[in-house]
Amino acid sequence: MGLLSIIKKVKQREKEMRVLMVGLDNAGKTTVVKQLNGEDTSTVSPTLGFNIKTLQYHSYRLNIWDVGGQKTLRSYWRNYFEQTDALIWVIDSADTLRMQVSTAPHSLSTLSDSSA
């Protein structure tokens, strides 16, 4: 039995998942996490670094890593991939200017290239 098989079995028993949430600044990542957790969203401010929230969903514990999206922080996104079970890419569909100048697609492409 390999190391990966052992880790998978332990993860299945624990039913705990690490979810990485990234996207451009002001895309609504923190708002989504707060809404999922049933918290007030009227006092959301930009994330400096990252926030971790643990949500219980049925028998699963979801550790959601909400990582800041400021341009100065994007180069550090790749450091959060280790032991991540899921990736959520948040896009503000109302921010048409960023979609037109391809900021969001370029950042996602850069993110996927650096994780390989």
Protein backbone atom coordinates (compact mmCIF):
# COMPACT_ATOMS: atom_id res chain seq x y z
CA MET A 1 0.00 0.00 0.00
CA GLY A 2 1.48 3.32 -1.10
CA LEU A 3 1.62 6.56 0.83
CA LEU A 4 -1.12 8.13 -1.33
CA SER A 5 -3.45 5.21 -0.60
CA ILE A 6 -2.89 5.62 3.13
CA ILE A 7 -3.54 9.37 2.94
CA LYS A 8 -6.75 8.80 0.94
CA LYS A 9 -8.03 6.28 3.50
CA VAL A 10 -7.29 8.65 6.38
CA LYS A 11 -9.01 11.53 4.54
CA GLN A 12 -12.08 9.36 3.88
CA ARG A 13 -12.36 8.48 7.56
CA GLU A 14 -11.89 12.08 8.68
CA LYS A 15 -14.23 13.42 5.99
CA GLU A 16 -12.34 16.68 6.09
CA MET A 17 -11.58 18.66 2.94
CA ARG A 18 -9.38 21.66 2.26
CA VAL A 19 -10.96 24.05 -0.23
CA LEU A 20 -8.92 26.87 -1.78
CA MET A 21 -10.93 29.90 -2.90
CA VAL A 22 -9.14 32.40 -5.14
CA GLY A 23 -10.08 35.13 -7.59
CA LEU A 24 -9.34 38.76 -8.32
CA ASP A 25 -9.69 41.41 -5.64
CA ASN A 26 -13.27 42.52 -4.98
CA ALA A 27 -14.70 39.42 -6.71
CA GLY A 28 -16.74 38.45 -3.62
CA LYS A 29 -14.77 35.52 -2.17
CA THR A 30 -15.12 36.59 1.46
CA THR A 31 -18.79 37.46 0.95
CA VAL A 32 -19.48 33.96 -0.41
CA VAL A 33 -17.72 32.31 2.55
CA LYS A 34 -19.56 34.49 5.07
CA GLN A 35 -22.92 33.77 3.42
CA LEU A 36 -22.24 30.02 3.45
CA ASN A 37 -21.39 30.30 7.15
CA GLY A 38 -24.52 32.35 7.92
CA GLU A 39 -22.55 35.43 8.93
CA ASP A 40 -23.35 39.10 8.38
CA THR A 41 -21.94 40.34 5.06
CA SER A 42 -22.43 44.07 5.64
CA THR A 43 -18.94 44.48 7.14
CA VAL A 44 -16.80 42.73 4.54
CA SER A 45 -13.40 44.32 3.94
CA PRO A 46 -10.53 43.35 1.60
CA THR A 47 -8.68 40.21 2.66
CA LEU A 48 -5.05 40.89 3.51
CA GLY A 49 -3.34 37.52 3.22
CA PHE A 50 -5.94 34.83 3.87
CA ASN A 51 -8.86 33.77 6.07
CA ILE A 52 -9.75 30.22 7.06
CA LYS A 53 -13.34 29.24 7.84
CA THR A 54 -14.46 25.76 8.79
CA LEU A 55 -17.96 24.79 7.69
CA GLN A 56 -19.83 21.64 8.61
CA TYR A 57 -21.80 20.16 5.71
CA HIS A 58 -23.57 16.91 6.60
CA SER A 59 -20.73 14.68 7.83
CA TYR A 60 -17.98 16.70 6.12
CA ARG A 61 -15.79 19.44 7.52
CA LEU A 62 -14.83 21.97 4.85
CA ASN A 63 -11.81 24.11 5.65
CA ILE A 64 -12.19 27.00 3.22
CA TRP A 65 -9.07 29.05 2.59
CA ASP A 66 -10.16 32.48 1.35
CA VAL A 67 -7.00 33.96 -0.20
CA GLY A 68 -6.69 37.67 -0.97
CA GLY A 69 -6.86 38.61 -4.64
CA GLN A 70 -4.84 41.81 -4.74
CA LYS A 71 -2.32 41.94 -7.55
CA THR A 72 0.58 41.92 -5.07
CA LEU A 73 -0.68 38.66 -3.51
CA ARG A 74 -1.39 36.66 -6.69
CA SER A 75 2.19 35.43 -7.03
CA TYR A 76 1.77 33.66 -3.67
CA TRP A 77 -1.36 31.73 -4.65
CA ARG A 78 0.69 28.72 -5.76
CA ASN A 79 1.94 28.30 -2.17
CA TYR A 80 -1.56 27.40 -1.00
CA PHE A 81 -2.03 24.41 -3.33
CA GLU A 82 -0.37 21.80 -1.12
CA GLN A 83 -2.92 19.35 0.29
CA THR A 84 -5.82 21.21 -1.37
CA ASP A 85 -8.77 18.98 -2.24
CA ALA A 86 -10.79 21.52 -4.25
CA LEU A 87 -10.31 24.86 -5.97
CA ILE A 88 -13.02 27.51 -6.31
CA TRP A 89 -12.31 30.35 -8.74
CA VAL A 90 -14.57 33.34 -8.00
CA ILE A 91 -15.40 35.84 -10.75
CA ASP A 92 -17.48 39.01 -10.44
CA SER A 93 -19.56 38.73 -13.61
CA ALA A 94 -20.71 42.35 -13.21
CA ASP A 95 -17.11 43.60 -13.56
CA THR A 96 -17.15 43.63 -17.36
CA LEU A 97 -14.04 45.79 -17.67
CA ARG A 98 -11.83 43.10 -16.12
CA MET A 99 -13.43 40.47 -18.30
CA GLN A 100 -12.81 42.54 -21.45
CA VAL A 101 -9.14 43.21 -20.71
CA SER A 102 -8.80 39.52 -19.79
CA THR A 103 -7.41 40.12 -16.29
CA ALA A 104 -9.40 37.25 -14.80
CA PRO A 105 -8.66 34.67 -17.53
CA HIS A 106 -4.97 35.64 -17.53
CA SER A 107 -4.74 35.25 -13.73
CA LEU A 108 -6.43 31.85 -13.87
CA SER A 109 -4.13 30.75 -16.68
CA THR A 110 -1.07 31.90 -14.72
CA LEU A 111 -2.35 30.08 -11.66
CA SER A 112 -2.80 26.80 -13.53
CA ASP A 113 0.59 27.11 -15.23
CA SER A 114 2.42 27.65 -11.93
CA SER A 115 0.75 24.65 -10.26
CA ALA A 116 2.08 22.12 -12.74
